[in-house]
Every structure is written in C-alpha cells, then in structure tokens.
Amino acid sequence: MAQRSPRRKKVQKLLSEKQMLLGPQNYQLLLIAVLSLMVGFGGMYIENEFLGWFSLYVSPLLIIGGFILVVFGIMKTDPSADSTETAEKV
C-alpha cells in the first residue's frame, strides 16, 4: 500500500490529540469581526437613509474592518505552536 502523506499524518495527530485548529486569539478576532459586521450592516438597516451620516461613513468602515479582521483572524498563527512543531521535527 502507499504510504500516508505528511498532511494526513498531521490531521490524524490533531484528531487524536483533540487540538483546536485555531488558537484562542484567533477566535477572539473572529468574534470581534462578526460583531463589527453585525453593527455595520445593522446600522445601515436601522438608519434606512441613503445619505445618512452613519450609513454613508461609519457603516462601510465597520464592514471593511470586519472583513479584514476575518482574514487576519484566520491567517494569524500562534508563535508557540510553530516552535512546538519545529521541535517535534528535529
């Protein structure tokens, strides 16, 4: 049979050790991002004016910031997790 790929071994290791894929800081960033998106879209809905101050200036900034935080929250890596993986490889 063919040998298992290193990626599959890593996934099996995560499943066997019940480790979370993202760290606590990642989840906090994602929560802040979701709240920012909710406030941004909610502000646009509540004000319900095309040329309103909140829906024209504040809400788009909150929405763009929320999407940036989502990307940053997913891509951010934990430095302690990286050092642990490199120590195991040696």
N, C-alpha and C. Protein backbone atom coordinates (compact mmCIF):
# COMPACT_ATOMS: atom_id res chain seq x y z
N MET A 1 0.82 -1.18 0.00
CA MET A 1 0.00 0.00 0.00
C MET A 1 0.87 1.25 0.00
N ALA A 2 0.30 2.31 -0.46
CA ALA A 2 1.02 3.58 -0.50
C ALA A 2 1.14 4.16 0.91
N GLN A 3 2.24 4.88 1.10
CA GLN A 3 2.45 5.50 2.41
C GLN A 3 1.53 6.70 2.55
N ARG A 4 1.20 6.99 3.79
CA ARG A 4 0.33 8.13 4.05
C ARG A 4 1.11 9.42 3.90
N SER A 5 0.44 10.43 3.39
CA SER A 5 1.10 11.71 3.18
C SER A 5 1.34 12.40 4.53
N PRO A 6 2.32 13.31 4.58
CA PRO A 6 2.59 14.02 5.84
C PRO A 6 1.40 14.86 6.29
N ARG A 7 0.63 15.37 5.33
CA ARG A 7 -0.53 16.17 5.70
C ARG A 7 -1.56 15.31 6.42
N ARG A 8 -1.77 14.12 5.92
CA ARG A 8 -2.74 13.23 6.55
C ARG A 8 -2.28 12.84 7.96
N LYS A 9 -0.98 12.66 8.14
CA LYS A 9 -0.46 12.34 9.47
C LYS A 9 -0.70 13.49 10.43
N LYS A 10 -0.55 14.72 9.94
CA LYS A 10 -0.77 15.88 10.79
C LYS A 10 -2.24 15.97 11.20
N VAL A 11 -3.14 15.70 10.26
CA VAL A 11 -4.57 15.74 10.57
C VAL A 11 -4.91 14.64 11.57
N GLN A 12 -4.37 13.45 11.36
CA GLN A 12 -4.62 12.36 12.30
C GLN A 12 -4.08 12.70 13.70
N LYS A 13 -2.93 13.37 13.75
CA LYS A 13 -2.36 13.77 15.03
C LYS A 13 -3.28 14.78 15.73
N LEU A 14 -3.80 15.75 14.97
CA LEU A 14 -4.70 16.74 15.56
C LEU A 14 -5.97 16.08 16.08
N LEU A 15 -6.49 15.14 15.32
CA LEU A 15 -7.71 14.46 15.74
C LEU A 15 -7.47 13.59 16.97
N SER A 16 -6.33 12.94 17.02
CA SER A 16 -6.06 12.06 18.15
C SER A 16 -5.76 12.85 19.43
N GLU A 17 -5.15 14.02 19.30
CA GLU A 17 -4.82 14.83 20.47
C GLU A 17 -5.93 15.83 20.81
N LYS A 18 -6.97 15.90 20.00
CA LYS A 18 -8.09 16.81 20.21
C LYS A 18 -7.64 18.26 20.31
N GLN A 19 -6.69 18.64 19.46
CA GLN A 19 -6.22 20.01 19.43
C GLN A 19 -7.13 20.85 18.55
N MET A 20 -7.26 22.11 18.91
CA MET A 20 -8.05 23.02 18.10
C MET A 20 -7.19 23.53 16.95
N LEU A 21 -7.82 23.75 15.81
CA LEU A 21 -7.08 24.21 14.64
C LEU A 21 -6.64 25.67 14.78
N LEU A 22 -7.45 26.47 15.43
CA LEU A 22 -7.11 27.87 15.66
C LEU A 22 -6.93 28.10 17.15
N GLY A 23 -6.12 29.10 17.47
CA GLY A 23 -5.89 29.41 18.87
C GLY A 23 -6.98 30.31 19.45
N PRO A 24 -6.92 30.58 20.74
CA PRO A 24 -7.94 31.41 21.37
C PRO A 24 -7.96 32.84 20.83
N GLN A 25 -6.79 33.38 20.49
CA GLN A 25 -6.75 34.73 19.94
C GLN A 25 -7.43 34.79 18.58
N ASN A 26 -7.32 33.72 17.81
CA ASN A 26 -7.99 33.69 16.51
C ASN A 26 -9.50 33.76 16.68
N TYR A 27 -10.02 33.01 17.62
CA TYR A 27 -11.46 33.01 17.85
C TYR A 27 -11.93 34.35 18.39
N GLN A 28 -11.11 35.01 19.21
CA GLN A 28 -11.48 36.34 19.70
C GLN A 28 -11.54 37.33 18.55
N LEU A 29 -10.55 37.27 17.64
CA LEU A 29 -10.56 38.16 16.48
C LEU A 29 -11.77 37.89 15.59
N LEU A 30 -12.11 36.63 15.41
CA LEU A 30 -13.28 36.30 14.60
C LEU A 30 -14.57 36.78 15.25
N LEU A 31 -14.66 36.70 16.57
CA LEU A 31 -15.84 37.20 17.27
C LEU A 31 -15.96 38.71 17.12
N ILE A 32 -14.85 39.42 17.27
CA ILE A 32 -14.87 40.87 17.09
C ILE A 32 -15.25 41.22 15.66
N ALA A 33 -14.76 40.45 14.69
CA ALA A 33 -15.08 40.70 13.28
C ALA A 33 -16.56 40.50 13.02
N VAL A 34 -17.14 39.44 13.56
CA VAL A 34 -18.57 39.18 13.35
C VAL A 34 -19.41 40.28 13.99
N LEU A 35 -19.01 40.73 15.18
CA LEU A 35 -19.74 41.82 15.83
C LEU A 35 -19.63 43.11 15.03
N SER A 36 -18.45 43.37 14.48
CA SER A 36 -18.26 44.56 13.66
C SER A 36 -19.14 44.51 12.41
N LEU A 37 -19.21 43.35 11.78
CA LEU A 37 -20.06 43.19 10.61
C LEU A 37 -21.54 43.37 10.96
N MET A 38 -21.94 42.82 12.09
CA MET A 38 -23.34 42.94 12.51
C MET A 38 -23.70 44.40 12.79
N VAL A 39 -22.81 45.12 13.47
CA VAL A 39 -23.08 46.54 13.76
C VAL A 39 -23.10 47.35 12.47
N GLY A 40 -22.19 47.06 11.55
CA GLY A 40 -22.15 47.79 10.29
C GLY A 40 -23.39 47.59 9.45
N PHE A 41 -23.77 46.34 9.23
CA PHE A 41 -24.97 46.07 8.44
C PHE A 41 -26.24 46.49 9.18
N GLY A 42 -26.25 46.30 10.49
CA GLY A 42 -27.40 46.73 11.29
C GLY A 42 -27.57 48.23 11.27
N GLY A 43 -26.47 48.97 11.31
CA GLY A 43 -26.54 50.42 11.24
C GLY A 43 -27.11 50.91 9.93
N MET A 44 -26.73 50.25 8.85
CA MET A 44 -27.28 50.62 7.55
C MET A 44 -28.78 50.34 7.51
N TYR A 45 -29.18 49.24 8.09
CA TYR A 45 -30.60 48.86 8.06
C TYR A 45 -31.44 49.78 8.96
N ILE A 46 -30.92 50.09 10.14
CA ILE A 46 -31.69 50.88 11.10
C ILE A 46 -31.82 52.33 10.63
N GLU A 47 -30.73 52.91 10.12
CA GLU A 47 -30.82 54.31 9.71
C GLU A 47 -31.73 54.47 8.50
N ASN A 48 -31.65 53.55 7.56
CA ASN A 48 -32.56 53.48 6.43
C ASN A 48 -32.63 54.77 5.62
N GLU A 49 -31.51 55.48 5.56
CA GLU A 49 -31.41 56.66 4.72
C GLU A 49 -30.25 56.48 3.76
N PHE A 50 -30.45 56.92 2.54
CA PHE A 50 -29.40 56.78 1.54
C PHE A 50 -28.22 57.70 1.84
N LEU A 51 -28.52 58.92 2.27
CA LEU A 51 -27.46 59.89 2.54
C LEU A 51 -27.28 60.14 4.03
N GLY A 52 -27.60 59.17 4.85
CA GLY A 52 -27.42 59.32 6.29
C GLY A 52 -25.95 59.26 6.66
N TRP A 53 -25.59 59.94 7.75
CA TRP A 53 -24.19 60.02 8.16
C TRP A 53 -23.65 58.65 8.56
N PHE A 54 -24.39 57.92 9.36
CA PHE A 54 -23.91 56.62 9.83
C PHE A 54 -23.83 55.61 8.69
N SER A 55 -24.87 55.56 7.87
CA SER A 55 -24.88 54.56 6.79
C SER A 55 -23.93 54.93 5.65
N LEU A 56 -23.53 56.18 5.56
CA LEU A 56 -22.65 56.59 4.48
C LEU A 56 -21.18 56.54 4.86
N TYR A 57 -20.85 56.82 6.14
CA TYR A 57 -19.45 56.91 6.54
C TYR A 57 -19.02 55.82 7.53
N VAL A 58 -19.79 55.60 8.56
CA VAL A 58 -19.35 54.71 9.64
C VAL A 58 -19.56 53.24 9.28
N SER A 59 -20.73 52.91 8.76
CA SER A 59 -21.04 51.50 8.46
C SER A 59 -20.08 50.88 7.45
N PRO A 60 -19.74 51.55 6.34
CA PRO A 60 -18.78 50.93 5.42
C PRO A 60 -17.42 50.68 6.05
N LEU A 61 -16.98 51.59 6.92
CA LEU A 61 -15.70 51.37 7.61
C LEU A 61 -15.78 50.17 8.55
N LEU A 62 -16.89 50.03 9.25
CA LEU A 62 -17.06 48.87 10.13
C LEU A 62 -17.10 47.56 9.33
N ILE A 63 -17.75 47.59 8.19
CA ILE A 63 -17.87 46.37 7.38
C ILE A 63 -16.51 45.99 6.79
N ILE A 64 -15.80 46.96 6.24
CA ILE A 64 -14.47 46.67 5.67
C ILE A 64 -13.53 46.19 6.77
N GLY A 65 -13.57 46.86 7.92
CA GLY A 65 -12.74 46.43 9.05
C GLY A 65 -13.09 45.03 9.52
N GLY A 66 -14.38 44.70 9.50
CA GLY A 66 -14.81 43.35 9.89
C GLY A 66 -14.27 42.29 8.96
N PHE A 67 -14.33 42.55 7.65
CA PHE A 67 -13.81 41.57 6.70
C PHE A 67 -12.28 41.44 6.81
N ILE A 68 -11.60 42.54 7.06
CA ILE A 68 -10.14 42.47 7.25
C ILE A 68 -9.82 41.66 8.51
N LEU A 69 -10.59 41.86 9.58
CA LEU A 69 -10.36 41.08 10.80
C LEU A 69 -10.64 39.60 10.60
N VAL A 70 -11.62 39.26 9.77
CA VAL A 70 -11.89 37.84 9.48
C VAL A 70 -10.67 37.21 8.81
N VAL A 71 -10.14 37.88 7.81
CA VAL A 71 -8.96 37.34 7.11
C VAL A 71 -7.79 37.25 8.07
N PHE A 72 -7.55 38.30 8.85
CA PHE A 72 -6.44 38.30 9.78
C PHE A 72 -6.61 37.24 10.86
N GLY A 73 -7.83 37.06 11.33
CA GLY A 73 -8.10 36.05 12.36
C GLY A 73 -7.88 34.64 11.88
N ILE A 74 -8.14 34.39 10.61
CA ILE A 74 -7.92 33.05 10.06
C ILE A 74 -6.44 32.82 9.77
N MET A 75 -5.76 33.83 9.27
CA MET A 75 -4.37 33.66 8.84
C MET A 75 -3.35 33.75 9.97
N LYS A 76 -3.71 34.36 11.10
CA LYS A 76 -2.77 34.54 12.20
C LYS A 76 -2.38 33.19 12.79
N THR A 77 -1.08 33.02 13.00
CA THR A 77 -0.59 31.78 13.60
C THR A 77 -0.06 32.06 15.00
N ASP A 78 -0.12 31.06 15.84
CA ASP A 78 0.36 31.16 17.20
C ASP A 78 1.86 30.86 17.21
N PRO A 79 2.71 31.77 17.70
CA PRO A 79 4.16 31.53 17.68
C PRO A 79 4.57 30.32 18.52
N SER A 80 3.87 30.05 19.61
CA SER A 80 4.24 28.91 20.45
C SER A 80 3.92 27.59 19.75
N ALA A 81 2.87 27.56 18.92
CA ALA A 81 2.54 26.35 18.18
C ALA A 81 3.58 26.06 17.11
N ASP A 82 4.12 27.12 16.48
CA ASP A 82 5.15 26.93 15.47
C ASP A 82 6.41 26.35 16.07
N SER A 83 6.81 26.84 17.24
CA SER A 83 8.03 26.33 17.86
C SER A 83 7.85 24.89 18.32
N THR A 84 6.66 24.51 18.70
CA THR A 84 6.39 23.13 19.12
C THR A 84 6.51 22.19 17.92
N GLU A 85 5.97 22.58 16.78
CA GLU A 85 6.03 21.73 15.59
C GLU A 85 7.47 21.57 15.10
N THR A 86 8.27 22.65 15.13
CA THR A 86 9.65 22.56 14.68
C THR A 86 10.48 21.72 15.65
N ALA A 87 10.16 21.76 16.95
CA ALA A 87 10.88 20.97 17.91
C ALA A 87 10.58 19.48 17.73
N GLU A 88 9.35 19.15 17.32
CA GLU A 88 8.99 17.75 17.10
C GLU A 88 9.67 17.19 15.86
N LYS A 89 9.91 18.02 14.86
CA LYS A 89 10.52 17.55 13.61
C LYS A 89 11.99 17.21 13.80
N VAL A 90 12.65 17.87 14.76
CA VAL A 90 14.09 17.66 14.97
C VAL A 90 14.36 16.40 15.64
